[in-house]
Amino acid sequence: MKKGHGLQRVVPIISEKKLLELNTKQLMGRLKKLRYCEESFEGSDLLESEVASCTGILFKNTPEWKEAYETVKRILSLREHLPRRTRQ
């Protein structure tokens, strides 16, 4: 189940310079939050006034989301890959 709803899901816009300072776990968390964004305003239950009042990324069909997603993916591709821990 997705955590949060509406304006609680706003993903802040962060510069690439700041993203490079984050550790891999933090970047993975940001990627997860970006994936939880709703597809579009039309498919959401938010009011126009609510969307206008927030600063950040809410919807996947925006240039901001696309840029943020591609930047995180690019930075993660440069990091060392660690296999998932297996449960015993």
N, C-alpha and C. Protein backbone atom coordinates (compact mmCIF):
# COMPACT_ATOMS: atom_id res chain seq x y z
N MET A 1 0.84 -1.17 0.00
CA MET A 1 0.00 0.00 0.00
C MET A 1 0.89 1.24 0.00
N LYS A 2 0.48 2.23 -0.75
CA LYS A 2 1.25 3.46 -0.82
C LYS A 2 1.07 4.26 0.46
N LYS A 3 2.16 4.85 0.89
CA LYS A 3 2.11 5.67 2.10
C LYS A 3 1.80 7.10 1.72
N GLY A 4 1.04 7.77 2.54
CA GLY A 4 0.70 9.16 2.31
C GLY A 4 -0.29 9.31 1.18
N HIS A 5 -0.81 10.48 1.07
CA HIS A 5 -1.73 10.75 -0.01
C HIS A 5 -1.71 12.24 -0.30
N GLY A 6 -2.16 12.61 -1.45
CA GLY A 6 -2.28 14.01 -1.80
C GLY A 6 -1.01 14.80 -1.60
N LEU A 7 -1.12 15.88 -0.88
CA LEU A 7 0.01 16.78 -0.68
C LEU A 7 1.11 16.20 0.20
N GLN A 8 0.82 15.13 0.92
CA GLN A 8 1.85 14.48 1.73
C GLN A 8 2.88 13.77 0.85
N ARG A 9 2.54 13.56 -0.40
CA ARG A 9 3.45 12.87 -1.32
C ARG A 9 4.34 13.82 -2.11
N VAL A 10 4.31 15.09 -1.83
CA VAL A 10 5.12 16.04 -2.58
C VAL A 10 6.60 15.67 -2.43
N VAL A 11 7.28 15.55 -3.57
CA VAL A 11 8.71 15.25 -3.58
C VAL A 11 9.44 16.57 -3.82
N PRO A 12 10.30 16.98 -2.91
CA PRO A 12 10.98 18.26 -3.09
C PRO A 12 11.91 18.23 -4.30
N ILE A 13 12.06 19.38 -4.93
CA ILE A 13 13.00 19.51 -6.04
C ILE A 13 14.37 19.77 -5.44
N ILE A 14 15.34 18.92 -5.79
CA ILE A 14 16.69 19.00 -5.24
C ILE A 14 17.67 19.10 -6.40
N SER A 15 18.65 19.96 -6.27
CA SER A 15 19.65 20.12 -7.33
C SER A 15 20.50 18.86 -7.45
N GLU A 16 21.08 18.69 -8.63
CA GLU A 16 21.93 17.52 -8.85
C GLU A 16 23.14 17.54 -7.91
N LYS A 17 23.64 18.72 -7.64
CA LYS A 17 24.78 18.84 -6.72
C LYS A 17 24.43 18.27 -5.35
N LYS A 18 23.24 18.59 -4.85
CA LYS A 18 22.79 18.08 -3.55
C LYS A 18 22.54 16.58 -3.61
N LEU A 19 22.01 16.10 -4.74
CA LEU A 19 21.74 14.67 -4.89
C LEU A 19 23.04 13.87 -4.85
N LEU A 20 24.10 14.42 -5.42
CA LEU A 20 25.38 13.73 -5.42
C LEU A 20 25.93 13.56 -4.00
N GLU A 21 25.50 14.41 -3.08
CA GLU A 21 25.95 14.32 -1.70
C GLU A 21 25.19 13.27 -0.90
N LEU A 22 24.06 12.81 -1.41
CA LEU A 22 23.25 11.82 -0.70
C LEU A 22 23.87 10.44 -0.83
N ASN A 23 23.65 9.61 0.19
CA ASN A 23 24.13 8.23 0.08
C ASN A 23 23.14 7.40 -0.74
N THR A 24 23.53 6.21 -1.08
CA THR A 24 22.72 5.36 -1.95
C THR A 24 21.35 5.05 -1.35
N LYS A 25 21.30 4.82 -0.07
CA LYS A 25 20.02 4.52 0.58
C LYS A 25 19.06 5.71 0.45
N GLN A 26 19.57 6.92 0.62
CA GLN A 26 18.74 8.11 0.49
C GLN A 26 18.26 8.28 -0.96
N LEU A 27 19.14 8.00 -1.91
CA LEU A 27 18.74 8.10 -3.32
C LEU A 27 17.67 7.06 -3.67
N MET A 28 17.80 5.87 -3.11
CA MET A 28 16.79 4.83 -3.35
C MET A 28 15.44 5.26 -2.76
N GLY A 29 15.47 5.90 -1.61
CA GLY A 29 14.25 6.41 -1.00
C GLY A 29 13.60 7.48 -1.86
N ARG A 30 14.41 8.36 -2.43
CA ARG A 30 13.88 9.40 -3.33
C ARG A 30 13.28 8.76 -4.58
N LEU A 31 13.94 7.76 -5.11
CA LEU A 31 13.42 7.07 -6.29
C LEU A 31 12.06 6.44 -5.98
N LYS A 32 11.94 5.86 -4.82
CA LYS A 32 10.68 5.24 -4.40
C LYS A 32 9.58 6.30 -4.29
N LYS A 33 9.91 7.44 -3.70
CA LYS A 33 8.92 8.53 -3.60
C LYS A 33 8.50 9.03 -4.97
N LEU A 34 9.45 9.13 -5.89
CA LEU A 34 9.11 9.57 -7.25
C LEU A 34 8.18 8.56 -7.92
N ARG A 35 8.43 7.29 -7.69
CA ARG A 35 7.57 6.26 -8.28
C ARG A 35 6.16 6.29 -7.70
N TYR A 36 6.01 6.75 -6.45
CA TYR A 36 4.70 6.85 -5.81
C TYR A 36 3.87 8.03 -6.29
N CYS A 37 4.48 8.94 -7.03
CA CYS A 37 3.72 10.09 -7.53
C CYS A 37 2.56 9.62 -8.40
N GLU A 38 1.48 10.37 -8.39
CA GLU A 38 0.34 10.05 -9.23
C GLU A 38 0.67 10.38 -10.68
N GLU A 39 -0.03 9.73 -11.60
CA GLU A 39 0.25 9.91 -13.03
C GLU A 39 0.00 11.35 -13.49
N SER A 40 -1.15 11.91 -13.11
CA SER A 40 -1.50 13.26 -13.59
C SER A 40 -2.49 13.92 -12.65
N PHE A 41 -2.64 15.21 -12.81
CA PHE A 41 -3.62 15.96 -12.02
C PHE A 41 -5.03 15.44 -12.30
N GLU A 42 -5.30 15.15 -13.56
CA GLU A 42 -6.63 14.70 -13.95
C GLU A 42 -7.03 13.41 -13.25
N GLY A 43 -6.08 12.57 -12.94
CA GLY A 43 -6.37 11.30 -12.28
C GLY A 43 -6.31 11.37 -10.76
N SER A 44 -6.04 12.55 -10.23
CA SER A 44 -5.93 12.69 -8.77
C SER A 44 -7.20 13.27 -8.18
N ASP A 45 -7.26 13.28 -6.87
CA ASP A 45 -8.42 13.86 -6.20
C ASP A 45 -8.08 15.21 -5.57
N LEU A 46 -6.97 15.79 -6.01
CA LEU A 46 -6.56 17.08 -5.47
C LEU A 46 -7.28 18.23 -6.17
N LEU A 47 -7.45 19.30 -5.45
CA LEU A 47 -8.04 20.51 -6.02
C LEU A 47 -6.94 21.35 -6.66
N GLU A 48 -7.32 22.16 -7.63
CA GLU A 48 -6.34 23.03 -8.29
C GLU A 48 -5.64 23.92 -7.28
N SER A 49 -6.38 24.43 -6.31
CA SER A 49 -5.80 25.33 -5.31
C SER A 49 -4.77 24.60 -4.45
N GLU A 50 -4.99 23.31 -4.17
CA GLU A 50 -4.04 22.53 -3.39
C GLU A 50 -2.74 22.34 -4.17
N VAL A 51 -2.88 22.02 -5.44
CA VAL A 51 -1.70 21.80 -6.28
C VAL A 51 -0.93 23.11 -6.44
N ALA A 52 -1.64 24.21 -6.62
CA ALA A 52 -1.00 25.51 -6.79
C ALA A 52 -0.26 25.95 -5.53
N SER A 53 -0.71 25.49 -4.37
CA SER A 53 -0.11 25.93 -3.11
C SER A 53 1.16 25.17 -2.75
N CYS A 54 1.46 24.09 -3.44
CA CYS A 54 2.63 23.31 -3.06
C CYS A 54 3.81 23.59 -3.99
N THR A 55 4.99 23.38 -3.43
CA THR A 55 6.21 23.47 -4.24
C THR A 55 6.86 22.09 -4.20
N GLY A 56 7.07 21.55 -5.34
CA GLY A 56 7.65 20.21 -5.43
C GLY A 56 6.98 19.43 -6.53
N ILE A 57 7.24 18.15 -6.55
CA ILE A 57 6.76 17.26 -7.61
C ILE A 57 5.62 16.42 -7.08
N LEU A 58 4.49 16.46 -7.79
CA LEU A 58 3.32 15.67 -7.42
C LEU A 58 2.94 14.64 -8.48
N PHE A 59 3.20 14.97 -9.75
CA PHE A 59 2.68 14.15 -10.85
C PHE A 59 3.79 13.72 -11.81
N LYS A 60 3.63 12.52 -12.34
CA LYS A 60 4.61 11.95 -13.25
C LYS A 60 4.60 12.59 -14.64
N ASN A 61 3.52 13.20 -15.02
CA ASN A 61 3.44 13.74 -16.38
C ASN A 61 4.00 15.17 -16.47
N THR A 62 4.92 15.52 -15.59
CA THR A 62 5.53 16.85 -15.61
C THR A 62 7.01 16.75 -15.99
N PRO A 63 7.54 17.81 -16.58
CA PRO A 63 8.97 17.80 -16.90
C PRO A 63 9.84 17.70 -15.64
N GLU A 64 9.38 18.25 -14.53
CA GLU A 64 10.13 18.18 -13.28
C GLU A 64 10.29 16.74 -12.79
N TRP A 65 9.20 15.97 -12.90
CA TRP A 65 9.27 14.57 -12.48
C TRP A 65 10.24 13.80 -13.37
N LYS A 66 10.11 14.00 -14.66
CA LYS A 66 10.97 13.27 -15.61
C LYS A 66 12.44 13.59 -15.37
N GLU A 67 12.74 14.87 -15.17
CA GLU A 67 14.13 15.27 -14.92
C GLU A 67 14.64 14.70 -13.60
N ALA A 68 13.83 14.78 -12.55
CA ALA A 68 14.23 14.27 -11.24
C ALA A 68 14.47 12.76 -11.30
N TYR A 69 13.58 12.04 -11.96
CA TYR A 69 13.68 10.58 -12.07
C TYR A 69 14.94 10.19 -12.84
N GLU A 70 15.17 10.85 -13.97
CA GLU A 70 16.35 10.53 -14.79
C GLU A 70 17.64 10.86 -14.06
N THR A 71 17.64 11.95 -13.31
CA THR A 71 18.84 12.34 -12.57
C THR A 71 19.17 11.32 -11.49
N VAL A 72 18.18 10.90 -10.73
CA VAL A 72 18.42 9.91 -9.68
C VAL A 72 18.89 8.60 -10.30
N LYS A 73 18.26 8.16 -11.37
CA LYS A 73 18.67 6.91 -12.02
C LYS A 73 20.11 7.00 -12.53
N ARG A 74 20.47 8.15 -13.10
CA ARG A 74 21.82 8.34 -13.62
C ARG A 74 22.84 8.29 -12.49
N ILE A 75 22.56 8.96 -11.39
CA ILE A 75 23.48 8.96 -10.25
C ILE A 75 23.61 7.55 -9.66
N LEU A 76 22.48 6.86 -9.54
CA LEU A 76 22.53 5.50 -9.01
C LEU A 76 23.31 4.55 -9.92
N SER A 77 23.27 4.79 -11.23
CA SER A 77 24.00 3.93 -12.15
C SER A 77 25.51 4.05 -11.99
N LEU A 78 25.95 5.14 -11.37
CA LEU A 78 27.38 5.36 -11.14
C LEU A 78 27.85 4.77 -9.81
N ARG A 79 26.91 4.38 -8.99
CA ARG A 79 27.24 3.83 -7.67
C ARG A 79 27.51 2.33 -7.78
N GLU A 80 28.26 1.84 -6.80
CA GLU A 80 28.54 0.41 -6.75
C GLU A 80 27.24 -0.36 -6.52
N HIS A 81 27.08 -1.42 -7.26
CA HIS A 81 25.88 -2.26 -7.09
C HIS A 81 26.12 -3.24 -5.96
N LEU A 82 25.19 -3.25 -5.03
CA LEU A 82 25.25 -4.22 -3.93
C LEU A 82 24.07 -5.16 -4.05
N PRO A 83 24.33 -6.46 -4.04
CA PRO A 83 23.21 -7.41 -4.14
C PRO A 83 22.31 -7.31 -2.91
N ARG A 84 21.06 -7.67 -3.11
CA ARG A 84 20.13 -7.67 -1.98
C ARG A 84 20.55 -8.70 -0.94
N ARG A 85 20.27 -8.36 0.31
CA ARG A 85 20.55 -9.33 1.37
C ARG A 85 19.51 -10.43 1.28
N THR A 86 19.98 -11.63 1.47
CA THR A 86 19.03 -12.74 1.48
C THR A 86 18.64 -13.03 2.92
N ARG A 87 17.41 -13.38 3.11
CA ARG A 87 16.92 -13.71 4.45
C ARG A 87 17.24 -15.15 4.75
N GLN A 88 17.59 -15.38 5.98
CA GLN A 88 17.94 -16.75 6.38
C GLN A 88 16.95 -17.27 7.37
